[in-house]
Amino acid sequence: MTRILVPQLDANTIDVTVTAWRKRPGDAVREGESLAELTTDKAVFDLEAPASGTLLAVLAAPKSVVPSGYILGVIGAAGESDAAAEAENAAILAAYRAATGTAAPAAAAAAAAKSAARVRATPKARRLAQQRGLDLARVQAETGAEVIDETVLAAYLER
C-alpha cells in the first residue's frame, strides 16, 4: 500500500488546494500517471501516482486546502485499507492550523453562528434594552423585525 502525499514544493509553500481529481476510488492507476491537479498561490501542477495499483481512497475533496505532508489518498491492492491515515491527517491539520492561526471548521462554524445571531441595533436601542433588561435577540425573534431602531424596541415595550 502506498500513500499519496502533498509534496513539499518549496520552502515558502505550506499548503495547496486540491483543484480536481482525475481518478476515482476503485480506478486502476499506473505509476507516473496524473491523479490530481493541485494549485498553490503561484502555480498549478499535476500530482503523479507514486505507484501502480488501485486508488483505494481519496482523503481530500476537490476545493479543499491541505498542508504539505497531508495524505491525499491511498493506492494499493483491492481490499486493502489504511486505517491510520485519517487520524494522521487530523494531527497534520491540527499542527497546520496552530502554525498558521487558522480556525478549525467547528470553531469557524461557531464564530459564524455567533456573528449571524448578533442583532443589528442602534446604540440607543441597545442602551434602552440594557436598561430594561431585555434580550435584543429575543425581541427580534418575537417581532420578526431587526432591532435597528429604538422605535422597534419602543413598540415592543408598549405591547
N, C-alpha and C. Protein backbone atom coordinates (compact mmCIF):
# COMPACT_ATOMS: atom_id res chain seq x y z
N MET A 1 0.85 -1.17 0.00
CA MET A 1 0.00 0.00 0.00
C MET A 1 0.90 1.23 0.00
N THR A 2 0.50 2.26 -0.80
CA THR A 2 1.29 3.48 -0.93
C THR A 2 0.40 4.69 -0.67
N ARG A 3 0.89 5.58 0.18
CA ARG A 3 0.16 6.81 0.45
C ARG A 3 0.51 7.88 -0.59
N ILE A 4 -0.48 8.65 -0.97
CA ILE A 4 -0.28 9.78 -1.88
C ILE A 4 -0.22 11.03 -1.00
N LEU A 5 0.95 11.64 -0.93
CA LEU A 5 1.16 12.78 -0.04
C LEU A 5 1.25 14.09 -0.80
N VAL A 6 0.87 15.19 -0.14
CA VAL A 6 1.10 16.52 -0.70
C VAL A 6 2.60 16.77 -0.60
N PRO A 7 3.25 16.99 -1.72
CA PRO A 7 4.71 17.20 -1.66
C PRO A 7 5.07 18.57 -1.10
N GLN A 8 6.25 18.67 -0.52
CA GLN A 8 6.79 19.97 -0.10
C GLN A 8 7.41 20.58 -1.35
N LEU A 9 6.71 21.51 -1.98
CA LEU A 9 7.14 22.06 -3.26
C LEU A 9 8.34 22.98 -3.14
N ASP A 10 8.31 23.84 -2.15
CA ASP A 10 9.46 24.71 -1.85
C ASP A 10 9.33 25.20 -0.42
N ALA A 11 10.30 25.95 0.03
CA ALA A 11 10.31 26.39 1.42
C ALA A 11 9.16 27.34 1.76
N ASN A 12 8.63 28.05 0.77
CA ASN A 12 7.58 29.04 1.02
C ASN A 12 6.17 28.50 0.84
N THR A 13 6.02 27.32 0.27
CA THR A 13 4.70 26.75 0.05
C THR A 13 4.37 25.80 1.18
N ILE A 14 3.35 26.17 1.96
CA ILE A 14 2.98 25.33 3.10
C ILE A 14 1.68 24.58 2.87
N ASP A 15 0.90 25.01 1.87
CA ASP A 15 -0.35 24.32 1.59
C ASP A 15 -0.69 24.40 0.11
N VAL A 16 -1.64 23.55 -0.31
CA VAL A 16 -2.11 23.53 -1.69
C VAL A 16 -3.62 23.38 -1.67
N THR A 17 -4.24 23.74 -2.79
CA THR A 17 -5.66 23.49 -2.98
C THR A 17 -5.79 22.32 -3.94
N VAL A 18 -6.60 21.34 -3.56
CA VAL A 18 -6.88 20.22 -4.45
C VAL A 18 -7.91 20.73 -5.45
N THR A 19 -7.45 21.02 -6.66
CA THR A 19 -8.33 21.60 -7.66
C THR A 19 -9.28 20.56 -8.23
N ALA A 20 -8.75 19.39 -8.59
CA ALA A 20 -9.59 18.34 -9.17
C ALA A 20 -8.89 17.00 -9.07
N TRP A 21 -9.69 15.96 -8.96
CA TRP A 21 -9.17 14.59 -9.03
C TRP A 21 -9.40 14.08 -10.43
N ARG A 22 -8.41 13.41 -11.00
CA ARG A 22 -8.53 12.82 -12.34
C ARG A 22 -8.95 11.35 -12.26
N LYS A 23 -8.83 10.76 -11.09
CA LYS A 23 -9.21 9.36 -10.86
C LYS A 23 -10.17 9.30 -9.68
N ARG A 24 -10.93 8.21 -9.62
CA ARG A 24 -11.88 7.99 -8.53
C ARG A 24 -11.48 6.73 -7.77
N PRO A 25 -11.92 6.61 -6.52
CA PRO A 25 -11.63 5.37 -5.79
C PRO A 25 -12.14 4.16 -6.58
N GLY A 26 -11.29 3.15 -6.65
CA GLY A 26 -11.61 1.95 -7.42
C GLY A 26 -10.97 1.93 -8.80
N ASP A 27 -10.51 3.09 -9.27
CA ASP A 27 -9.86 3.15 -10.58
C ASP A 27 -8.45 2.58 -10.50
N ALA A 28 -8.04 1.94 -11.58
CA ALA A 28 -6.66 1.46 -11.69
C ALA A 28 -5.77 2.65 -12.06
N VAL A 29 -4.58 2.70 -11.46
CA VAL A 29 -3.63 3.77 -11.76
C VAL A 29 -2.26 3.16 -12.05
N ARG A 30 -1.51 3.86 -12.88
CA ARG A 30 -0.14 3.45 -13.19
C ARG A 30 0.81 4.48 -12.59
N GLU A 31 1.95 4.03 -12.15
CA GLU A 31 2.96 4.93 -11.61
C GLU A 31 3.28 6.01 -12.64
N GLY A 32 3.30 7.28 -12.19
CA GLY A 32 3.61 8.41 -13.06
C GLY A 32 2.38 9.01 -13.74
N GLU A 33 1.25 8.34 -13.64
CA GLU A 33 0.01 8.83 -14.24
C GLU A 33 -0.54 9.99 -13.40
N SER A 34 -1.17 10.96 -14.05
CA SER A 34 -1.74 12.11 -13.34
C SER A 34 -2.95 11.68 -12.52
N LEU A 35 -2.91 11.96 -11.23
CA LEU A 35 -4.01 11.61 -10.32
C LEU A 35 -4.89 12.80 -9.99
N ALA A 36 -4.25 13.95 -9.79
CA ALA A 36 -4.99 15.12 -9.34
C ALA A 36 -4.29 16.39 -9.81
N GLU A 37 -5.05 17.46 -9.77
CA GLU A 37 -4.49 18.78 -10.07
C GLU A 37 -4.43 19.55 -8.76
N LEU A 38 -3.27 20.08 -8.43
CA LEU A 38 -3.06 20.85 -7.21
C LEU A 38 -2.69 22.28 -7.58
N THR A 39 -3.15 23.23 -6.78
CA THR A 39 -2.87 24.64 -7.03
C THR A 39 -2.24 25.27 -5.81
N THR A 40 -1.19 26.04 -6.03
CA THR A 40 -0.59 26.84 -4.96
C THR A 40 -0.92 28.28 -5.27
N ASP A 41 -0.41 29.20 -4.47
CA ASP A 41 -0.67 30.61 -4.75
C ASP A 41 0.08 31.08 -5.99
N LYS A 42 1.00 30.27 -6.51
CA LYS A 42 1.81 30.69 -7.65
C LYS A 42 1.70 29.79 -8.88
N ALA A 43 1.26 28.54 -8.73
CA ALA A 43 1.28 27.62 -9.85
C ALA A 43 0.22 26.53 -9.72
N VAL A 44 -0.05 25.89 -10.86
CA VAL A 44 -0.93 24.73 -10.93
C VAL A 44 -0.08 23.58 -11.44
N PHE A 45 -0.20 22.41 -10.80
CA PHE A 45 0.58 21.28 -11.28
C PHE A 45 -0.18 19.97 -11.11
N ASP A 46 0.23 18.98 -11.89
CA ASP A 46 -0.35 17.64 -11.80
C ASP A 46 0.39 16.83 -10.75
N LEU A 47 -0.37 16.12 -9.96
CA LEU A 47 0.21 15.20 -8.98
C LEU A 47 0.21 13.82 -9.61
N GLU A 48 1.38 13.23 -9.71
CA GLU A 48 1.53 11.92 -10.34
C GLU A 48 1.43 10.80 -9.32
N ALA A 49 0.93 9.67 -9.78
CA ALA A 49 0.82 8.50 -8.91
C ALA A 49 2.21 8.01 -8.51
N PRO A 50 2.45 7.80 -7.22
CA PRO A 50 3.75 7.32 -6.78
C PRO A 50 3.94 5.82 -6.99
N ALA A 51 2.84 5.12 -7.31
CA ALA A 51 2.92 3.67 -7.50
C ALA A 51 1.77 3.22 -8.39
N SER A 52 1.85 2.00 -8.87
CA SER A 52 0.75 1.41 -9.64
C SER A 52 -0.14 0.61 -8.71
N GLY A 53 -1.41 0.51 -9.07
CA GLY A 53 -2.37 -0.26 -8.28
C GLY A 53 -3.76 0.29 -8.45
N THR A 54 -4.56 0.15 -7.42
CA THR A 54 -5.93 0.66 -7.41
C THR A 54 -5.99 1.85 -6.45
N LEU A 55 -6.66 2.91 -6.88
CA LEU A 55 -6.87 4.05 -5.98
C LEU A 55 -7.91 3.61 -4.96
N LEU A 56 -7.46 3.35 -3.75
CA LEU A 56 -8.33 2.81 -2.70
C LEU A 56 -9.16 3.88 -2.01
N ALA A 57 -8.57 5.05 -1.81
CA ALA A 57 -9.27 6.09 -1.06
C ALA A 57 -8.79 7.46 -1.50
N VAL A 58 -9.71 8.42 -1.47
CA VAL A 58 -9.41 9.82 -1.68
C VAL A 58 -9.75 10.51 -0.37
N LEU A 59 -8.75 11.15 0.27
CA LEU A 59 -8.95 11.72 1.60
C LEU A 59 -9.02 13.25 1.60
N ALA A 60 -8.99 13.86 0.42
CA ALA A 60 -9.12 15.31 0.32
C ALA A 60 -10.05 15.63 -0.85
N ALA A 61 -11.16 16.25 -0.54
CA ALA A 61 -12.14 16.58 -1.57
C ALA A 61 -11.65 17.72 -2.46
N PRO A 62 -12.17 17.80 -3.68
CA PRO A 62 -11.83 18.95 -4.52
C PRO A 62 -12.18 20.26 -3.81
N LYS A 63 -11.36 21.26 -4.02
CA LYS A 63 -11.50 22.61 -3.43
C LYS A 63 -11.03 22.68 -1.99
N SER A 64 -10.52 21.57 -1.44
CA SER A 64 -10.02 21.63 -0.06
C SER A 64 -8.57 22.12 -0.06
N VAL A 65 -8.25 22.86 0.99
CA VAL A 65 -6.88 23.36 1.18
C VAL A 65 -6.23 22.48 2.23
N VAL A 66 -5.10 21.89 1.84
CA VAL A 66 -4.41 20.95 2.73
C VAL A 66 -2.92 21.28 2.80
N PRO A 67 -2.29 21.02 3.94
CA PRO A 67 -0.86 21.34 4.10
C PRO A 67 0.05 20.30 3.47
N SER A 68 1.29 20.68 3.29
CA SER A 68 2.31 19.74 2.82
C SER A 68 2.38 18.57 3.79
N GLY A 69 2.55 17.36 3.24
CA GLY A 69 2.61 16.16 4.06
C GLY A 69 1.26 15.50 4.27
N TYR A 70 0.17 16.17 3.93
CA TYR A 70 -1.18 15.62 4.10
C TYR A 70 -1.35 14.40 3.21
N ILE A 71 -2.05 13.40 3.69
CA ILE A 71 -2.28 12.18 2.92
C ILE A 71 -3.52 12.40 2.05
N LEU A 72 -3.30 12.55 0.75
CA LEU A 72 -4.40 12.82 -0.17
C LEU A 72 -5.20 11.57 -0.50
N GLY A 73 -4.52 10.45 -0.55
CA GLY A 73 -5.19 9.21 -0.91
C GLY A 73 -4.27 8.03 -0.70
N VAL A 74 -4.78 6.85 -1.06
CA VAL A 74 -4.04 5.62 -0.87
C VAL A 74 -4.17 4.75 -2.12
N ILE A 75 -3.05 4.19 -2.56
CA ILE A 75 -3.02 3.27 -3.68
C ILE A 75 -2.59 1.91 -3.14
N GLY A 76 -3.25 0.86 -3.60
CA GLY A 76 -2.88 -0.48 -3.16
C GLY A 76 -3.65 -1.53 -3.92
N ALA A 77 -3.72 -2.71 -3.35
CA ALA A 77 -4.49 -3.80 -3.94
C ALA A 77 -5.92 -3.72 -3.43
N ALA A 78 -6.86 -4.15 -4.26
CA ALA A 78 -8.27 -4.13 -3.87
C ALA A 78 -8.45 -4.83 -2.53
N GLY A 79 -9.22 -4.23 -1.66
CA GLY A 79 -9.48 -4.81 -0.35
C GLY A 79 -8.58 -4.31 0.76
N GLU A 80 -7.46 -3.70 0.42
CA GLU A 80 -6.58 -3.13 1.43
C GLU A 80 -7.17 -1.82 1.94
N SER A 81 -6.72 -1.40 3.13
CA SER A 81 -7.12 -0.09 3.65
C SER A 81 -6.03 0.44 4.56
N ASP A 82 -6.05 1.75 4.74
CA ASP A 82 -5.08 2.41 5.61
C ASP A 82 -5.87 3.07 6.74
N ALA A 83 -6.10 2.32 7.79
CA ALA A 83 -6.94 2.79 8.89
C ALA A 83 -6.34 3.98 9.63
N ALA A 84 -5.04 4.12 9.64
CA ALA A 84 -4.39 5.20 10.39
C ALA A 84 -4.32 6.51 9.63
N ALA A 85 -4.60 6.51 8.34
CA ALA A 85 -4.43 7.71 7.52
C ALA A 85 -5.28 8.89 8.01
N GLU A 86 -6.54 8.66 8.32
CA GLU A 86 -7.40 9.77 8.73
C GLU A 86 -6.95 10.37 10.06
N ALA A 87 -6.53 9.54 10.99
CA ALA A 87 -6.04 10.05 12.27
C ALA A 87 -4.76 10.86 12.07
N GLU A 88 -3.89 10.39 11.20
CA GLU A 88 -2.66 11.13 10.91
C GLU A 88 -2.98 12.46 10.25
N ASN A 89 -3.96 12.46 9.34
CA ASN A 89 -4.37 13.71 8.70
C ASN A 89 -4.93 14.71 9.70
N ALA A 90 -5.68 14.21 10.68
CA ALA A 90 -6.22 15.10 11.71
C ALA A 90 -5.09 15.77 12.49
N ALA A 91 -4.06 15.01 12.80
CA ALA A 91 -2.91 15.57 13.52
C ALA A 91 -2.15 16.57 12.65
N ILE A 92 -2.01 16.27 11.37
CA ILE A 92 -1.33 17.18 10.44
C ILE A 92 -2.11 18.48 10.33
N LEU A 93 -3.44 18.38 10.21
CA LEU A 93 -4.27 19.59 10.12
C LEU A 93 -4.22 20.41 11.40
N ALA A 94 -4.22 19.76 12.54
CA ALA A 94 -4.15 20.48 13.82
C ALA A 94 -2.84 21.25 13.92
N ALA A 95 -1.75 20.64 13.54
CA ALA A 95 -0.45 21.32 13.58
C ALA A 95 -0.41 22.48 12.58
N TYR A 96 -0.98 22.27 11.41
CA TYR A 96 -1.05 23.32 10.38
C TYR A 96 -1.87 24.51 10.87
N ARG A 97 -3.03 24.24 11.46
CA ARG A 97 -3.89 25.32 11.95
C ARG A 97 -3.23 26.08 13.09
N ALA A 98 -2.53 25.36 13.95
CA ALA A 98 -1.83 26.02 15.05
C ALA A 98 -0.71 26.90 14.52
N ALA A 99 0.00 26.43 13.51
CA ALA A 99 1.12 27.20 12.94
C ALA A 99 0.66 28.41 12.15
N THR A 100 -0.50 28.28 11.47
CA THR A 100 -0.98 29.37 10.61
C THR A 100 -2.01 30.26 11.29
N GLY A 101 -2.52 29.83 12.43
CA GLY A 101 -3.52 30.62 13.13
C GLY A 101 -4.90 30.53 12.50
N THR A 102 -5.14 29.51 11.69
CA THR A 102 -6.46 29.35 11.09
C THR A 102 -7.34 28.53 12.02
N ALA A 103 -8.61 28.81 11.99
CA ALA A 103 -9.55 28.12 12.87
C ALA A 103 -9.94 26.77 12.29
N ALA A 104 -10.23 25.84 13.17
CA ALA A 104 -10.76 24.56 12.75
C ALA A 104 -12.17 24.77 12.22
N PRO A 105 -12.69 23.89 11.37
CA PRO A 105 -14.03 24.07 10.82
C PRO A 105 -15.10 24.26 11.89
N ALA A 106 -15.05 23.52 12.99
CA ALA A 106 -16.05 23.66 14.04
C ALA A 106 -15.96 25.04 14.69
N ALA A 107 -14.75 25.52 14.92
CA ALA A 107 -14.58 26.84 15.52
C ALA A 107 -15.04 27.93 14.56
N ALA A 108 -14.76 27.75 13.28
CA ALA A 108 -15.20 28.73 12.28
C ALA A 108 -16.72 28.74 12.18
N ALA A 109 -17.34 27.57 12.25
CA ALA A 109 -18.80 27.50 12.19
C ALA A 109 -19.42 28.16 13.42
N ALA A 110 -18.83 27.95 14.58
CA ALA A 110 -19.34 28.57 15.80
C ALA A 110 -19.22 30.09 15.73
N ALA A 111 -18.11 30.59 15.19
CA ALA A 111 -17.93 32.03 15.05
C ALA A 111 -18.94 32.60 14.07
N ALA A 112 -19.21 31.87 12.99
CA ALA A 112 -20.19 32.33 12.01
C ALA A 112 -21.60 32.36 12.61
N ALA A 113 -21.92 31.33 13.40
CA ALA A 113 -23.23 31.29 14.05
C ALA A 113 -23.38 32.43 15.04
N LYS A 114 -22.32 32.71 15.80
CA LYS A 114 -22.37 33.81 16.76
C LYS A 114 -22.55 35.14 16.03
N SER A 115 -21.85 35.30 14.92
CA SER A 115 -21.97 36.52 14.13
C SER A 115 -23.37 36.66 13.55
N ALA A 116 -23.92 35.54 13.07
CA ALA A 116 -25.27 35.57 12.49
C ALA A 116 -26.31 35.85 13.56
N ALA A 117 -26.06 35.41 14.79
CA ALA A 117 -27.00 35.61 15.88
C ALA A 117 -26.98 37.04 16.41
N ARG A 118 -25.97 37.79 16.08
CA ARG A 118 -25.87 39.17 16.54
C ARG A 118 -27.00 40.00 15.94
N VAL A 119 -27.68 40.74 16.78
CA VAL A 119 -28.79 41.56 16.35
C VAL A 119 -28.29 42.94 15.94
N ARG A 120 -28.73 43.39 14.79
CA ARG A 120 -28.38 44.74 14.36
C ARG A 120 -29.27 45.72 15.13
N ALA A 121 -28.65 46.65 15.82
CA ALA A 121 -29.40 47.62 16.61
C ALA A 121 -28.57 48.90 16.74
N THR A 122 -29.29 50.00 16.88
CA THR A 122 -28.61 51.27 17.09
C THR A 122 -28.08 51.30 18.52
N PRO A 123 -27.08 52.11 18.78
CA PRO A 123 -26.59 52.22 20.16
C PRO A 123 -27.69 52.63 21.13
N LYS A 124 -28.57 53.51 20.70
CA LYS A 124 -29.66 53.96 21.57
C LYS A 124 -30.61 52.79 21.91
N ALA A 125 -30.91 51.95 20.90
CA ALA A 125 -31.77 50.79 21.14
C ALA A 125 -31.08 49.79 22.07
N ARG A 126 -29.78 49.62 21.91
CA ARG A 126 -29.03 48.72 22.80
C ARG A 126 -29.06 49.22 24.25
N ARG A 127 -28.85 50.53 24.42
CA ARG A 127 -28.88 51.10 25.77
C ARG A 127 -30.26 50.92 26.40
N LEU A 128 -31.31 51.19 25.63
CA LEU A 128 -32.67 51.05 26.13
C LEU A 128 -32.95 49.60 26.53
N ALA A 129 -32.53 48.66 25.70
CA ALA A 129 -32.73 47.24 26.01
C ALA A 129 -31.96 46.85 27.26
N GLN A 130 -30.74 47.36 27.39
CA GLN A 130 -29.94 47.04 28.57
C GLN A 130 -30.58 47.61 29.82
N GLN A 131 -31.09 48.85 29.76
CA GLN A 131 -31.73 49.48 30.91
C GLN A 131 -32.97 48.71 31.33
N ARG A 132 -33.69 48.15 30.35
CA ARG A 132 -34.94 47.42 30.64
C ARG A 132 -34.70 45.93 30.87
N GLY A 133 -33.45 45.49 30.73
CA GLY A 133 -33.15 44.08 30.93
C GLY A 133 -33.70 43.18 29.83
N LEU A 134 -33.74 43.68 28.62
CA LEU A 134 -34.29 42.91 27.51
C LEU A 134 -33.19 42.29 26.66
N ASP A 135 -33.47 41.12 26.12
CA ASP A 135 -32.57 40.44 25.20
C ASP A 135 -32.97 40.83 23.78
N LEU A 136 -32.09 41.55 23.08
CA LEU A 136 -32.42 42.02 21.73
C LEU A 136 -32.70 40.87 20.76
N ALA A 137 -32.02 39.76 20.91
CA ALA A 137 -32.26 38.62 20.04
C ALA A 137 -33.67 38.09 20.24
N ARG A 138 -34.12 38.09 21.49
CA ARG A 138 -35.49 37.63 21.78
C ARG A 138 -36.51 38.61 21.20
N VAL A 139 -36.23 39.91 21.33
CA VAL A 139 -37.13 40.93 20.76
C VAL A 139 -37.22 40.72 19.25
N GLN A 140 -36.09 40.51 18.64
CA GLN A 140 -36.07 40.30 17.18
C GLN A 140 -36.87 39.05 16.82
N ALA A 141 -36.69 37.98 17.57
CA ALA A 141 -37.39 36.73 17.28
C ALA A 141 -38.89 36.89 17.45
N GLU A 142 -39.32 37.63 18.48
CA GLU A 142 -40.75 37.79 18.74
C GLU A 142 -41.42 38.77 17.78
N THR A 143 -40.71 39.81 17.37
CA THR A 143 -41.31 40.80 16.49
C THR A 143 -41.12 40.47 15.02
N GLY A 144 -40.12 39.65 14.73
CA GLY A 144 -39.83 39.31 13.35
C GLY A 144 -39.16 40.45 12.60
N ALA A 145 -38.72 41.47 13.33
CA ALA A 145 -38.07 42.62 12.71
C ALA A 145 -36.68 42.82 13.29
N GLU A 146 -35.80 43.39 12.49
CA GLU A 146 -34.48 43.73 13.00
C GLU A 146 -34.62 44.91 13.95
N VAL A 147 -33.91 44.87 15.03
CA VAL A 147 -33.97 45.94 16.03
C VAL A 147 -32.88 46.95 15.68
N ILE A 148 -33.07 47.60 14.53
CA ILE A 148 -32.06 48.56 14.10
C ILE A 148 -32.40 49.96 14.57
N ASP A 149 -33.57 50.10 15.12
CA ASP A 149 -34.00 51.42 15.55
C ASP A 149 -34.71 51.29 16.90
N GLU A 150 -34.59 52.33 17.70
CA GLU A 150 -35.24 52.30 19.02
C GLU A 150 -36.76 52.29 18.91
N THR A 151 -37.32 52.69 17.74
CA THR A 151 -38.78 52.68 17.59
C THR A 151 -39.32 51.24 17.60
N VAL A 152 -38.57 50.30 17.04
CA VAL A 152 -38.98 48.90 17.08
C VAL A 152 -38.98 48.42 18.53
N LEU A 153 -37.96 48.79 19.26
CA LEU A 153 -37.85 48.41 20.66
C LEU A 153 -38.97 49.07 21.47
N ALA A 154 -39.25 50.32 21.20
CA ALA A 154 -40.33 51.02 21.92
C ALA A 154 -41.68 50.37 21.64
N ALA A 155 -41.91 49.98 20.39
CA ALA A 155 -43.17 49.32 20.04
C ALA A 155 -43.29 47.98 20.77
N TYR A 156 -42.18 47.28 20.91
CA TYR A 156 -42.18 46.02 21.63
C TYR A 156 -42.52 46.26 23.10
N LEU A 157 -41.96 47.30 23.68
CA LEU A 157 -42.20 47.58 25.08
C LEU A 157 -43.65 47.99 25.34
N GLU A 158 -44.32 48.57 24.36
CA GLU A 158 -45.71 49.01 24.52
C GLU A 158 -46.68 47.84 24.47
N ARG A 159 -46.26 46.69 23.97
CA ARG A 159 -47.17 45.54 23.84
C ARG A 159 -47.59 45.03 25.16
